[in-house]
N, C-alpha and C. Protein backbone atom coordinates (compact mmCIF):
# COMPACT_ATOMS: atom_id res chain seq x y z
N UNK A 1 18.79 -5.37 -15.27
CA UNK A 1 18.14 -5.91 -14.08
C UNK A 1 16.70 -5.44 -14.04
N UNK A 2 15.79 -6.30 -13.68
CA UNK A 2 14.38 -5.96 -13.61
C UNK A 2 14.07 -5.23 -12.32
N UNK A 3 13.31 -4.16 -12.41
CA UNK A 3 12.82 -3.49 -11.21
C UNK A 3 11.37 -3.88 -11.02
N UNK A 4 11.04 -4.38 -9.88
CA UNK A 4 9.67 -4.79 -9.59
C UNK A 4 9.13 -3.92 -8.48
N UNK A 5 8.13 -3.12 -8.80
CA UNK A 5 7.51 -2.28 -7.80
C UNK A 5 6.36 -3.05 -7.19
N UNK A 6 6.51 -3.47 -5.95
CA UNK A 6 5.48 -4.23 -5.25
C UNK A 6 4.74 -3.28 -4.31
N UNK A 7 3.56 -2.87 -4.70
CA UNK A 7 2.78 -1.96 -3.88
C UNK A 7 1.71 -2.75 -3.17
N UNK A 8 1.82 -2.87 -1.86
CA UNK A 8 0.88 -3.65 -1.10
C UNK A 8 -0.07 -2.70 -0.39
N UNK A 9 -1.34 -2.74 -0.80
CA UNK A 9 -2.32 -1.82 -0.24
C UNK A 9 -3.45 -2.59 0.41
N UNK A 10 -3.50 -2.61 1.74
CA UNK A 10 -4.58 -3.34 2.40
C UNK A 10 -5.91 -2.63 2.27
N UNK A 11 -6.94 -3.36 1.97
CA UNK A 11 -8.28 -2.81 1.89
C UNK A 11 -9.14 -3.45 2.96
N UNK A 12 -10.13 -2.72 3.49
CA UNK A 12 -11.04 -3.28 4.48
C UNK A 12 -12.12 -4.06 3.75
N UNK A 13 -12.18 -5.38 4.01
CA UNK A 13 -13.11 -6.26 3.33
C UNK A 13 -13.81 -7.12 4.37
N UNK A 14 -15.13 -7.27 4.30
CA UNK A 14 -15.83 -8.12 5.27
C UNK A 14 -15.34 -9.56 5.19
N UNK A 15 -15.36 -10.26 6.32
CA UNK A 15 -14.96 -11.66 6.34
C UNK A 15 -15.93 -12.48 5.52
N UNK A 16 -17.20 -12.22 5.64
CA UNK A 16 -18.22 -12.91 4.88
C UNK A 16 -19.48 -12.06 4.89
N UNK A 17 -20.32 -12.26 3.91
CA UNK A 17 -21.54 -11.48 3.82
C UNK A 17 -22.36 -11.67 5.10
N UNK A 18 -22.69 -10.57 5.74
CA UNK A 18 -23.51 -10.63 6.93
C UNK A 18 -22.73 -10.92 8.21
N UNK A 19 -21.46 -11.23 8.09
CA UNK A 19 -20.66 -11.52 9.27
C UNK A 19 -19.99 -10.25 9.77
N UNK A 20 -19.76 -10.16 11.08
CA UNK A 20 -19.09 -9.00 11.63
C UNK A 20 -17.59 -9.13 11.41
N UNK A 21 -16.93 -7.98 11.27
CA UNK A 21 -15.49 -8.00 11.10
C UNK A 21 -14.82 -8.34 12.42
N UNK A 22 -13.62 -8.91 12.38
CA UNK A 22 -12.89 -9.17 13.62
C UNK A 22 -12.65 -7.88 14.39
N UNK A 23 -12.63 -7.95 15.68
CA UNK A 23 -12.34 -6.78 16.50
C UNK A 23 -10.91 -6.31 16.25
N UNK A 24 -10.02 -7.26 15.98
CA UNK A 24 -8.62 -6.95 15.67
C UNK A 24 -8.26 -7.65 14.37
N UNK A 25 -7.97 -6.86 13.31
CA UNK A 25 -7.72 -7.44 12.00
C UNK A 25 -6.35 -8.12 11.94
N UNK A 26 -6.22 -9.05 11.02
CA UNK A 26 -4.93 -9.69 10.78
C UNK A 26 -3.96 -8.66 10.20
N UNK A 27 -2.71 -8.68 10.66
CA UNK A 27 -1.70 -7.75 10.16
C UNK A 27 -0.46 -8.53 9.72
N UNK A 28 0.22 -8.06 8.68
CA UNK A 28 1.38 -8.79 8.17
C UNK A 28 2.50 -8.88 9.20
N UNK A 29 3.19 -10.01 9.19
CA UNK A 29 4.40 -10.18 9.98
C UNK A 29 5.57 -9.78 9.09
N UNK A 30 6.34 -8.80 9.51
CA UNK A 30 7.45 -8.33 8.68
C UNK A 30 6.99 -7.39 7.59
N UNK A 31 7.82 -7.21 6.60
CA UNK A 31 7.58 -6.25 5.53
C UNK A 31 6.93 -6.94 4.33
N UNK A 32 5.68 -6.56 3.98
CA UNK A 32 5.03 -7.18 2.81
C UNK A 32 5.80 -6.98 1.51
N UNK A 33 6.67 -5.96 1.47
CA UNK A 33 7.45 -5.72 0.27
C UNK A 33 8.41 -6.83 -0.08
N UNK A 34 8.65 -7.75 0.85
CA UNK A 34 9.55 -8.87 0.59
C UNK A 34 8.81 -10.10 0.08
N UNK A 35 7.49 -10.04 0.02
CA UNK A 35 6.72 -11.21 -0.42
C UNK A 35 6.97 -11.53 -1.89
N UNK A 36 7.10 -10.50 -2.72
CA UNK A 36 7.39 -10.67 -4.14
C UNK A 36 8.52 -9.71 -4.49
N UNK A 37 9.58 -10.22 -5.09
CA UNK A 37 10.74 -9.39 -5.39
C UNK A 37 11.06 -9.44 -6.89
N UNK A 38 12.04 -8.65 -7.28
CA UNK A 38 12.43 -8.61 -8.69
C UNK A 38 12.92 -9.97 -9.18
N UNK A 39 13.46 -10.78 -8.27
CA UNK A 39 13.94 -12.12 -8.66
C UNK A 39 12.79 -13.04 -9.06
N UNK A 40 11.56 -12.66 -8.71
CA UNK A 40 10.40 -13.50 -9.01
C UNK A 40 9.76 -13.20 -10.35
N UNK A 41 10.26 -12.18 -11.06
CA UNK A 41 9.67 -11.82 -12.35
C UNK A 41 9.83 -12.99 -13.33
N UNK A 42 8.74 -13.56 -13.82
CA UNK A 42 8.85 -14.74 -14.70
C UNK A 42 9.66 -14.42 -15.96
N UNK A 43 10.58 -15.30 -16.31
CA UNK A 43 11.44 -15.07 -17.46
C UNK A 43 10.63 -14.93 -18.75
N UNK A 44 9.58 -15.71 -18.91
CA UNK A 44 8.77 -15.63 -20.12
C UNK A 44 8.09 -14.27 -20.22
N UNK A 45 7.63 -13.75 -19.09
CA UNK A 45 7.01 -12.42 -19.08
C UNK A 45 8.04 -11.35 -19.40
N UNK A 46 9.26 -11.52 -18.92
CA UNK A 46 10.33 -10.57 -19.25
C UNK A 46 10.64 -10.61 -20.74
N UNK A 47 10.71 -11.84 -21.27
CA UNK A 47 11.05 -11.98 -22.70
C UNK A 47 10.00 -11.32 -23.58
N UNK A 48 8.73 -11.43 -23.18
CA UNK A 48 7.65 -10.84 -23.95
C UNK A 48 7.35 -9.40 -23.55
N UNK A 49 8.15 -8.89 -22.59
CA UNK A 49 8.00 -7.51 -22.10
C UNK A 49 6.58 -7.25 -21.59
N UNK A 50 6.09 -8.18 -20.79
CA UNK A 50 4.74 -8.05 -20.22
C UNK A 50 4.82 -7.35 -18.88
N UNK A 51 3.99 -6.33 -18.69
CA UNK A 51 3.86 -5.63 -17.44
C UNK A 51 2.40 -5.64 -17.01
N UNK A 52 2.14 -5.23 -15.78
CA UNK A 52 0.76 -5.17 -15.33
C UNK A 52 0.67 -5.07 -13.83
N UNK A 53 -0.57 -5.02 -13.32
CA UNK A 53 -0.81 -4.94 -11.89
C UNK A 53 -1.79 -6.03 -11.48
N UNK A 54 -1.38 -6.86 -10.54
CA UNK A 54 -2.21 -7.96 -10.05
C UNK A 54 -2.77 -7.60 -8.68
N UNK A 55 -4.09 -7.53 -8.57
CA UNK A 55 -4.74 -7.35 -7.27
C UNK A 55 -5.33 -8.68 -6.83
N UNK A 56 -5.22 -8.99 -5.55
CA UNK A 56 -5.70 -10.28 -5.10
C UNK A 56 -6.13 -10.22 -3.63
N UNK A 57 -6.88 -11.22 -3.23
CA UNK A 57 -7.37 -11.31 -1.86
C UNK A 57 -6.87 -12.62 -1.24
N UNK A 58 -6.36 -12.53 -0.02
CA UNK A 58 -5.90 -13.69 0.72
C UNK A 58 -6.91 -14.06 1.80
N UNK A 59 -7.25 -15.35 1.89
CA UNK A 59 -8.01 -15.86 3.02
C UNK A 59 -7.00 -16.33 4.05
N UNK A 60 -7.13 -15.86 5.28
CA UNK A 60 -6.15 -16.14 6.33
C UNK A 60 -6.82 -16.94 7.44
N UNK A 61 -6.19 -18.04 7.84
CA UNK A 61 -6.80 -18.84 8.91
C UNK A 61 -6.44 -18.28 10.29
N UNK A 62 -6.91 -18.93 11.32
CA UNK A 62 -6.73 -18.40 12.68
C UNK A 62 -5.30 -18.51 13.17
N UNK A 63 -4.44 -19.21 12.41
CA UNK A 63 -3.02 -19.28 12.74
C UNK A 63 -2.21 -18.21 12.03
N UNK A 64 -2.90 -17.38 11.20
CA UNK A 64 -2.20 -16.33 10.48
C UNK A 64 -1.55 -16.79 9.20
N UNK A 65 -2.00 -17.94 8.68
CA UNK A 65 -1.42 -18.50 7.46
C UNK A 65 -2.42 -18.39 6.31
N UNK A 66 -2.03 -17.87 5.13
CA UNK A 66 -2.94 -17.81 4.00
C UNK A 66 -3.36 -19.21 3.55
N UNK A 67 -4.65 -19.37 3.30
CA UNK A 67 -5.15 -20.66 2.84
C UNK A 67 -5.65 -20.61 1.40
N UNK A 68 -5.83 -19.41 0.88
CA UNK A 68 -6.32 -19.27 -0.50
C UNK A 68 -5.98 -17.88 -1.02
N UNK A 69 -5.69 -17.80 -2.31
CA UNK A 69 -5.41 -16.52 -2.97
C UNK A 69 -6.32 -16.40 -4.18
N UNK A 70 -7.09 -15.32 -4.24
CA UNK A 70 -8.03 -15.10 -5.34
C UNK A 70 -7.67 -13.81 -6.06
N UNK A 71 -7.43 -13.87 -7.35
CA UNK A 71 -7.16 -12.67 -8.14
C UNK A 71 -8.44 -11.86 -8.28
N UNK A 72 -8.41 -10.61 -7.84
CA UNK A 72 -9.59 -9.75 -7.92
C UNK A 72 -9.51 -8.77 -9.08
N UNK A 73 -8.31 -8.52 -9.58
CA UNK A 73 -8.12 -7.68 -10.76
C UNK A 73 -6.84 -8.14 -11.46
N UNK A 74 -6.99 -8.64 -12.67
CA UNK A 74 -5.87 -9.26 -13.37
C UNK A 74 -4.93 -8.23 -13.98
N UNK A 75 -3.68 -8.61 -14.06
CA UNK A 75 -2.66 -7.82 -14.75
C UNK A 75 -2.81 -7.92 -16.26
N UNK A 76 -3.63 -8.87 -16.69
CA UNK A 76 -3.74 -9.16 -18.12
C UNK A 76 -2.88 -10.34 -18.52
N UNK A 77 -2.10 -10.84 -17.56
CA UNK A 77 -1.23 -11.98 -17.81
C UNK A 77 -1.47 -13.03 -16.73
N UNK A 78 -1.92 -14.20 -17.12
CA UNK A 78 -2.13 -15.28 -16.15
C UNK A 78 -0.82 -15.66 -15.48
N UNK A 79 0.28 -15.55 -16.22
CA UNK A 79 1.59 -15.90 -15.67
C UNK A 79 1.96 -14.98 -14.51
N UNK A 80 1.77 -13.66 -14.69
CA UNK A 80 2.07 -12.72 -13.62
C UNK A 80 1.12 -12.91 -12.44
N UNK A 81 -0.18 -13.10 -12.74
CA UNK A 81 -1.17 -13.29 -11.68
C UNK A 81 -0.85 -14.53 -10.85
N UNK A 82 -0.57 -15.64 -11.53
CA UNK A 82 -0.30 -16.89 -10.84
C UNK A 82 0.98 -16.81 -10.01
N UNK A 83 1.99 -16.11 -10.54
CA UNK A 83 3.25 -15.96 -9.82
C UNK A 83 3.05 -15.15 -8.55
N UNK A 84 2.29 -14.06 -8.66
CA UNK A 84 2.03 -13.22 -7.48
C UNK A 84 1.36 -14.03 -6.38
N UNK A 85 0.31 -14.76 -6.73
CA UNK A 85 -0.40 -15.56 -5.73
C UNK A 85 0.50 -16.64 -5.14
N UNK A 86 1.25 -17.32 -5.99
CA UNK A 86 2.10 -18.42 -5.52
C UNK A 86 3.15 -17.93 -4.53
N UNK A 87 3.79 -16.80 -4.83
CA UNK A 87 4.84 -16.30 -3.95
C UNK A 87 4.28 -15.78 -2.64
N UNK A 88 3.13 -15.11 -2.71
CA UNK A 88 2.53 -14.59 -1.48
C UNK A 88 2.01 -15.71 -0.60
N UNK A 89 1.42 -16.72 -1.19
CA UNK A 89 0.96 -17.87 -0.41
C UNK A 89 2.13 -18.54 0.30
N UNK A 90 3.28 -18.56 -0.35
CA UNK A 90 4.47 -19.20 0.22
C UNK A 90 5.11 -18.37 1.33
N UNK A 91 5.11 -17.04 1.16
CA UNK A 91 5.91 -16.21 2.05
C UNK A 91 5.12 -15.39 3.07
N UNK A 92 3.88 -15.06 2.78
CA UNK A 92 3.13 -14.16 3.66
C UNK A 92 2.72 -14.87 4.94
N UNK A 93 2.91 -14.20 6.05
CA UNK A 93 2.43 -14.67 7.34
C UNK A 93 1.85 -13.48 8.10
N UNK A 94 0.87 -13.76 8.96
CA UNK A 94 0.15 -12.68 9.61
C UNK A 94 0.06 -12.89 11.12
N UNK A 95 -0.05 -11.78 11.83
CA UNK A 95 -0.51 -11.83 13.20
C UNK A 95 -2.01 -12.09 13.14
N UNK A 96 -2.49 -13.18 13.73
CA UNK A 96 -3.88 -13.58 13.54
C UNK A 96 -4.89 -12.53 14.01
N UNK A 97 -6.06 -12.54 13.35
CA UNK A 97 -7.16 -11.67 13.76
C UNK A 97 -7.79 -12.24 15.04
N UNK A 98 -8.45 -11.36 15.79
CA UNK A 98 -9.14 -11.78 17.01
C UNK A 98 -10.53 -11.19 17.05
N UNK A 99 -11.46 -11.94 17.66
CA UNK A 99 -12.80 -11.40 17.84
C UNK A 99 -12.86 -10.59 19.13
N UNK A 100 -14.05 -10.07 19.46
CA UNK A 100 -14.19 -9.21 20.62
C UNK A 100 -13.82 -9.91 21.92
N UNK A 101 -13.91 -11.24 21.93
CA UNK A 101 -13.56 -11.99 23.12
C UNK A 101 -12.10 -12.39 23.19
N UNK A 102 -11.29 -11.95 22.20
CA UNK A 102 -9.88 -12.28 22.18
C UNK A 102 -9.55 -13.62 21.56
N UNK A 103 -10.58 -14.29 20.98
CA UNK A 103 -10.35 -15.59 20.34
C UNK A 103 -9.81 -15.40 18.93
N UNK A 104 -8.91 -16.28 18.53
CA UNK A 104 -8.34 -16.21 17.19
C UNK A 104 -9.40 -16.57 16.16
N UNK A 105 -9.48 -15.78 15.08
CA UNK A 105 -10.46 -16.02 14.02
C UNK A 105 -9.79 -15.82 12.66
N UNK A 106 -10.46 -16.28 11.62
CA UNK A 106 -9.97 -16.06 10.27
C UNK A 106 -10.23 -14.63 9.81
N UNK A 107 -9.57 -14.23 8.74
CA UNK A 107 -9.73 -12.88 8.22
C UNK A 107 -9.37 -12.89 6.74
N UNK A 108 -9.48 -11.76 6.09
CA UNK A 108 -9.05 -11.60 4.70
C UNK A 108 -8.13 -10.39 4.60
N UNK A 109 -7.28 -10.39 3.59
CA UNK A 109 -6.33 -9.29 3.37
C UNK A 109 -6.18 -9.11 1.87
N UNK A 110 -6.42 -7.89 1.40
CA UNK A 110 -6.32 -7.61 -0.03
C UNK A 110 -5.15 -6.69 -0.33
N UNK A 111 -4.49 -6.93 -1.44
CA UNK A 111 -3.30 -6.17 -1.78
C UNK A 111 -3.05 -6.29 -3.28
N UNK A 112 -2.00 -5.69 -3.77
CA UNK A 112 -1.66 -5.81 -5.19
C UNK A 112 -0.16 -5.76 -5.40
N UNK A 113 0.26 -6.28 -6.53
CA UNK A 113 1.65 -6.24 -6.96
C UNK A 113 1.70 -5.57 -8.32
N UNK A 114 2.53 -4.55 -8.45
CA UNK A 114 2.75 -3.89 -9.74
C UNK A 114 4.02 -4.42 -10.37
N UNK A 115 3.86 -5.06 -11.52
CA UNK A 115 5.00 -5.61 -12.25
C UNK A 115 5.47 -4.59 -13.28
N UNK A 116 6.73 -4.13 -13.18
CA UNK A 116 7.26 -3.13 -14.11
C UNK A 116 8.66 -3.53 -14.57
N UNK A 117 8.86 -3.50 -15.88
CA UNK A 117 10.18 -3.74 -16.45
C UNK A 117 11.03 -2.49 -16.31
N UNK A 118 12.35 -2.61 -16.38
CA UNK A 118 13.21 -1.44 -16.20
C UNK A 118 13.08 -0.45 -17.34
N UNK A 119 13.33 0.83 -17.02
CA UNK A 119 13.38 1.85 -18.06
C UNK A 119 14.55 1.54 -18.99
N UNK A 120 14.31 1.63 -20.29
CA UNK A 120 15.36 1.28 -21.24
C UNK A 120 16.51 2.27 -21.25
N UNK A 121 16.27 3.53 -20.87
CA UNK A 121 17.35 4.50 -20.90
C UNK A 121 18.09 4.62 -19.57
N UNK A 122 17.62 3.89 -18.57
CA UNK A 122 18.29 3.91 -17.28
C UNK A 122 18.09 5.17 -16.47
N UNK A 123 17.21 6.06 -16.91
CA UNK A 123 16.98 7.33 -16.22
C UNK A 123 15.92 7.13 -15.14
N UNK A 124 16.25 7.55 -13.93
CA UNK A 124 15.30 7.46 -12.83
C UNK A 124 14.36 8.67 -12.89
N UNK A 125 13.07 8.44 -12.86
CA UNK A 125 12.10 9.52 -12.94
C UNK A 125 11.90 10.18 -11.58
N UNK A 126 11.56 11.46 -11.60
CA UNK A 126 11.24 12.21 -10.40
C UNK A 126 9.74 12.46 -10.37
N UNK A 127 9.17 12.65 -9.18
CA UNK A 127 7.77 13.03 -9.12
C UNK A 127 7.61 14.47 -9.59
N UNK A 128 6.39 14.91 -9.89
CA UNK A 128 6.18 16.33 -10.23
C UNK A 128 6.67 17.21 -9.09
N UNK A 129 7.47 18.21 -9.43
CA UNK A 129 8.07 19.06 -8.40
C UNK A 129 7.32 20.37 -8.25
N UNK A 130 7.27 20.92 -7.02
CA UNK A 130 7.77 20.32 -5.78
C UNK A 130 6.82 19.23 -5.29
N UNK A 131 7.36 18.29 -4.51
CA UNK A 131 6.55 17.21 -3.96
C UNK A 131 6.87 17.06 -2.47
N UNK A 132 5.84 17.09 -1.66
CA UNK A 132 6.01 16.91 -0.22
C UNK A 132 5.16 15.73 0.22
N UNK A 133 5.82 14.67 0.68
CA UNK A 133 5.14 13.44 1.09
C UNK A 133 5.16 13.35 2.61
N UNK A 134 3.97 13.33 3.20
CA UNK A 134 3.85 13.27 4.66
C UNK A 134 3.05 12.03 5.03
N UNK A 135 3.61 11.21 5.91
CA UNK A 135 2.92 10.01 6.38
C UNK A 135 2.72 10.10 7.88
N UNK A 136 1.49 9.88 8.33
CA UNK A 136 1.20 9.86 9.76
C UNK A 136 0.69 8.48 10.15
N UNK A 137 0.99 8.08 11.37
CA UNK A 137 0.51 6.80 11.88
C UNK A 137 0.58 6.82 13.39
N UNK A 138 -0.04 5.83 14.02
CA UNK A 138 -0.03 5.73 15.47
C UNK A 138 0.75 4.49 15.90
N UNK A 139 1.57 4.66 16.93
CA UNK A 139 2.17 3.52 17.61
C UNK A 139 1.27 3.19 18.79
N UNK A 140 0.71 1.97 18.77
CA UNK A 140 -0.21 1.56 19.83
C UNK A 140 0.57 1.20 21.10
N UNK A 141 -0.15 0.98 22.19
CA UNK A 141 0.49 0.71 23.48
C UNK A 141 1.27 -0.60 23.51
N UNK A 142 1.04 -1.48 22.51
CA UNK A 142 1.81 -2.72 22.44
C UNK A 142 2.92 -2.66 21.40
N UNK A 143 3.12 -1.49 20.79
CA UNK A 143 4.18 -1.32 19.80
C UNK A 143 3.74 -1.57 18.37
N UNK A 144 2.50 -2.02 18.18
CA UNK A 144 1.98 -2.23 16.82
C UNK A 144 1.59 -0.89 16.21
N UNK A 145 1.25 -0.90 14.92
CA UNK A 145 0.97 0.33 14.18
C UNK A 145 -0.46 0.32 13.65
N UNK A 146 -1.07 1.50 13.63
CA UNK A 146 -2.43 1.62 13.09
C UNK A 146 -2.61 2.99 12.44
N UNK A 147 -3.72 3.12 11.71
CA UNK A 147 -4.17 4.40 11.16
C UNK A 147 -3.09 5.13 10.37
N UNK A 148 -2.48 4.42 9.45
CA UNK A 148 -1.44 5.02 8.61
C UNK A 148 -2.09 5.76 7.43
N UNK A 149 -1.61 6.96 7.17
CA UNK A 149 -2.13 7.75 6.05
C UNK A 149 -0.99 8.52 5.40
N UNK A 150 -0.94 8.53 4.07
CA UNK A 150 0.08 9.27 3.33
C UNK A 150 -0.57 10.35 2.49
N UNK A 151 -0.04 11.57 2.60
CA UNK A 151 -0.51 12.71 1.81
C UNK A 151 0.62 13.17 0.89
N UNK A 152 0.27 13.50 -0.35
CA UNK A 152 1.22 14.07 -1.30
C UNK A 152 0.75 15.47 -1.65
N UNK A 153 1.54 16.46 -1.28
CA UNK A 153 1.17 17.86 -1.44
C UNK A 153 -0.21 18.14 -0.85
N UNK A 154 -0.45 17.54 0.31
CA UNK A 154 -1.68 17.81 1.05
C UNK A 154 -2.88 17.00 0.61
N UNK A 155 -2.72 16.15 -0.40
CA UNK A 155 -3.84 15.34 -0.89
C UNK A 155 -3.55 13.86 -0.66
N UNK A 156 -4.60 13.04 -0.44
CA UNK A 156 -4.37 11.60 -0.23
C UNK A 156 -3.57 10.99 -1.36
N UNK A 157 -2.61 10.14 -1.02
CA UNK A 157 -1.80 9.47 -2.03
C UNK A 157 -2.68 8.61 -2.92
N UNK A 158 -2.39 8.55 -4.24
CA UNK A 158 -3.21 7.75 -5.15
C UNK A 158 -3.17 6.26 -4.85
N UNK A 159 -2.11 5.79 -4.18
CA UNK A 159 -2.02 4.40 -3.75
C UNK A 159 -1.54 4.38 -2.31
N UNK A 160 -1.84 3.31 -1.59
CA UNK A 160 -1.49 3.22 -0.19
C UNK A 160 -0.26 2.34 0.05
N UNK A 161 0.50 2.12 -1.02
CA UNK A 161 1.62 1.20 -0.91
C UNK A 161 2.67 1.64 0.09
N UNK A 162 2.87 2.96 0.25
CA UNK A 162 3.90 3.43 1.18
C UNK A 162 3.59 2.95 2.59
N UNK A 163 2.35 3.10 3.01
CA UNK A 163 1.97 2.65 4.36
C UNK A 163 2.22 1.15 4.50
N UNK A 164 1.79 0.40 3.52
CA UNK A 164 1.90 -1.06 3.61
C UNK A 164 3.36 -1.52 3.63
N UNK A 165 4.18 -0.90 2.80
CA UNK A 165 5.57 -1.35 2.69
C UNK A 165 6.46 -0.82 3.80
N UNK A 166 6.24 0.44 4.20
CA UNK A 166 7.16 1.08 5.13
C UNK A 166 6.68 1.10 6.57
N UNK A 167 5.38 1.03 6.80
CA UNK A 167 4.85 1.25 8.14
C UNK A 167 4.09 0.05 8.68
N UNK A 168 3.03 -0.36 8.00
CA UNK A 168 2.16 -1.39 8.52
C UNK A 168 2.88 -2.73 8.66
N UNK A 169 2.53 -3.49 9.67
CA UNK A 169 3.13 -4.79 9.88
C UNK A 169 4.41 -4.76 10.69
N UNK A 170 4.92 -3.55 10.97
CA UNK A 170 6.13 -3.45 11.77
C UNK A 170 5.76 -3.20 13.25
N UNK A 171 6.76 -3.35 14.10
CA UNK A 171 6.58 -3.03 15.50
C UNK A 171 7.63 -2.00 15.89
N UNK A 172 7.23 -1.08 16.74
CA UNK A 172 8.10 0.02 17.16
C UNK A 172 8.26 0.00 18.69
N UNK A 173 9.28 0.69 19.20
CA UNK A 173 9.41 0.78 20.65
C UNK A 173 8.14 1.36 21.27
N UNK A 174 7.70 0.79 22.37
CA UNK A 174 6.50 1.28 23.05
C UNK A 174 6.78 2.68 23.60
N UNK A 175 5.88 3.60 23.31
CA UNK A 175 6.02 4.97 23.78
C UNK A 175 5.40 5.10 25.17
N UNK A 176 6.00 5.95 26.01
CA UNK A 176 5.53 6.08 27.38
C UNK A 176 5.39 7.54 27.78
N UNK A 177 4.49 7.78 28.72
CA UNK A 177 4.32 9.13 29.25
C UNK A 177 5.34 9.40 30.33
N UNK A 178 5.24 10.57 30.97
CA UNK A 178 6.23 10.96 31.98
C UNK A 178 6.27 10.00 33.16
N UNK A 179 5.14 9.34 33.41
CA UNK A 179 5.07 8.40 34.54
C UNK A 179 5.51 6.99 34.16
N UNK A 180 5.88 6.80 32.87
CA UNK A 180 6.34 5.49 32.43
C UNK A 180 5.25 4.56 31.96
N UNK A 181 4.03 5.10 31.78
CA UNK A 181 2.91 4.29 31.33
C UNK A 181 2.85 4.26 29.81
N UNK A 182 2.59 3.10 29.21
CA UNK A 182 2.48 3.02 27.75
C UNK A 182 1.36 3.92 27.24
N UNK A 183 1.62 4.63 26.15
CA UNK A 183 0.62 5.52 25.57
C UNK A 183 0.51 5.29 24.06
N UNK A 184 -0.61 5.69 23.49
CA UNK A 184 -0.80 5.68 22.04
C UNK A 184 -0.22 6.97 21.48
N UNK A 185 0.79 6.84 20.64
CA UNK A 185 1.54 8.00 20.18
C UNK A 185 1.40 8.19 18.68
N UNK A 186 1.02 9.41 18.28
CA UNK A 186 0.95 9.74 16.85
C UNK A 186 2.34 10.12 16.35
N UNK A 187 2.70 9.60 15.17
CA UNK A 187 4.01 9.85 14.58
C UNK A 187 3.85 10.42 13.18
N UNK A 188 4.90 11.09 12.70
CA UNK A 188 4.85 11.66 11.35
C UNK A 188 6.22 11.57 10.70
N UNK A 189 6.23 11.17 9.42
CA UNK A 189 7.45 11.22 8.62
C UNK A 189 7.22 12.20 7.48
N UNK A 190 8.30 12.81 7.01
CA UNK A 190 8.17 13.83 5.96
C UNK A 190 9.30 13.69 4.96
N UNK A 191 8.95 13.72 3.68
CA UNK A 191 9.94 13.64 2.61
C UNK A 191 9.60 14.70 1.57
N UNK A 192 10.59 15.53 1.22
CA UNK A 192 10.34 16.65 0.31
C UNK A 192 11.28 16.58 -0.90
N UNK A 193 10.70 16.73 -2.10
CA UNK A 193 11.46 16.85 -3.33
C UNK A 193 11.26 18.27 -3.85
N UNK A 194 12.37 18.99 -4.07
CA UNK A 194 12.26 20.34 -4.63
C UNK A 194 13.57 20.74 -5.28
N UNK A 195 13.47 21.62 -6.25
CA UNK A 195 14.68 22.15 -6.88
C UNK A 195 15.24 23.25 -6.00
N UNK A 196 16.56 23.30 -5.88
CA UNK A 196 17.20 24.35 -5.06
C UNK A 196 18.34 24.95 -5.88
N UNK A 197 18.70 26.16 -5.51
CA UNK A 197 19.83 26.81 -6.16
C UNK A 197 21.13 26.13 -5.73
N UNK A 198 22.14 26.21 -6.58
CA UNK A 198 23.40 25.55 -6.30
C UNK A 198 24.03 26.03 -5.01
N UNK A 199 23.77 27.29 -4.61
CA UNK A 199 24.39 27.86 -3.42
C UNK A 199 23.65 27.52 -2.15
N UNK A 200 22.46 26.89 -2.24
CA UNK A 200 21.67 26.58 -1.04
C UNK A 200 22.22 25.34 -0.34
């Protein structure tokens, strides 16, 4: 079975040269990790054992629907690049961006898909040990999420895919203060990999 690691990393990109960014950026509806799955790995690429990473930019209209996909960094395979864009154009939907006046506007969203074939020996790799992964983010007063950051052993993660796949684009229960008023709440998740003695 093919394992496809889809790492979706949003980058801040201007809407157009000289234009101001939307006051509220477009955010994915649902989990971006479902946009491209292992079932989408092209059979010809599997047969030729082609792997790679496709980075691309989506143009999003004011309804939150992608209107164009541009490859910004090729995997080295046109087949993989074209498949990534085709599937994301078909499946990706966004909460529309808004300008300072609350009007719906277009936006852009950049991300990437890492195409990886399965390990031939079936052995699952571990990160360098010990490894402590800490992710922080804010739940906004409307339940949306912002300012997600992942640290690995105290240093910024080399890729931002964890935030994109696990945090961004989701909605959480609105947090409230003692008086019942919605508040902006900082949250943290923690995952630790370490060797332990058998008796621990």
